[in-house]
């Protein structure tokens, strides 16, 4: 899975705890926190497959100009 960065945060696909569902999540670069913080966007839906979430992340990164991490 490809991760992206805007220079402050890392954006990545993750399974949500307890579910077999995926979403785009973010964390601060250098953060040692465990757990996922879902990226806040009305279009960031929880989906059934990792591939669907990665497709959304790829489109989002292209639109926002994020770099591959």
Protein backbone atom coordinates (compact mmCIF):
# COMPACT_ATOMS: atom_id res chain seq x y z
CA UNK A 1 0.00 0.00 0.00
CA UNK A 2 1.23 3.45 -0.88
CA UNK A 3 1.44 6.16 1.78
CA UNK A 4 1.49 9.91 1.12
CA UNK A 5 2.61 13.01 2.98
CA UNK A 6 1.87 16.72 2.90
CA UNK A 7 5.00 17.46 4.94
CA UNK A 8 3.18 17.38 8.30
CA UNK A 9 1.04 14.24 8.19
CA UNK A 10 1.29 10.75 6.71
CA UNK A 11 -1.88 9.52 4.99
CA UNK A 12 -2.40 5.77 4.64
CA UNK A 13 -5.02 3.03 4.36
CA UNK A 14 -5.84 1.11 7.50
CA UNK A 15 -8.33 -1.46 8.71
CA UNK A 16 -10.61 -0.02 11.35
CA UNK A 17 -10.42 -1.75 14.71
CA UNK A 18 -12.89 -4.59 15.11
CA UNK A 19 -14.24 -4.31 11.57
CA UNK A 20 -13.27 -5.80 8.24
CA UNK A 21 -13.57 -2.32 6.80
CA UNK A 22 -10.97 0.16 5.59
CA UNK A 23 -10.55 3.92 5.48
CA UNK A 24 -7.92 6.56 4.83
CA UNK A 25 -6.20 7.54 8.08
CA UNK A 26 -3.57 10.09 9.05
CA UNK A 27 -0.92 10.61 11.70
CA UNK A 28 1.72 13.23 12.36
CA UNK A 29 5.17 12.49 10.97
CA UNK A 30 7.36 11.23 13.82
CA UNK A 31 4.37 10.43 16.03
CA UNK A 32 4.76 7.34 18.17
CA UNK A 33 1.00 7.04 18.72
CA UNK A 34 -0.58 3.71 17.97
CA UNK A 35 -4.05 3.54 16.52
CA UNK A 36 -5.68 5.18 13.57
CA UNK A 37 -7.19 8.60 13.20
CA UNK A 38 -9.58 8.63 10.28
CA UNK A 39 -8.93 11.45 7.80
CA UNK A 40 -11.83 13.87 8.11
CA UNK A 41 -13.57 14.30 4.77
CA UNK A 42 -17.18 13.84 3.72
CA UNK A 43 -15.91 11.65 0.84
CA UNK A 44 -13.79 9.39 3.10
CA UNK A 45 -16.23 6.54 3.47
CA UNK A 46 -15.52 3.28 5.25
CA UNK A 47 -15.24 0.65 2.50
CA UNK A 48 -15.14 -3.15 2.30
CA UNK A 49 -11.74 -3.61 0.65
CA UNK A 50 -8.24 -2.24 1.07
CA UNK A 51 -8.10 -1.61 -2.69
CA UNK A 52 -11.14 0.69 -2.66
CA UNK A 53 -9.62 2.76 0.16
CA UNK A 54 -6.25 2.92 -1.66
CA UNK A 55 -7.98 4.14 -4.85
CA UNK A 56 -9.61 6.95 -2.86
CA UNK A 57 -6.27 7.84 -1.22
CA UNK A 58 -4.49 7.89 -4.61
CA UNK A 59 -7.11 10.27 -6.08
CA UNK A 60 -7.02 12.45 -2.97
CA UNK A 61 -3.22 12.67 -3.02
CA UNK A 62 -3.19 13.63 -6.69
CA UNK A 63 -5.82 16.35 -6.15
CA UNK A 64 -4.05 17.74 -3.06
CA UNK A 65 -0.52 17.48 -4.46
CA UNK A 66 0.76 15.15 -1.73
CA UNK A 67 4.06 13.32 -2.22
CA UNK A 68 4.59 9.57 -1.88
CA UNK A 69 6.00 8.75 1.56
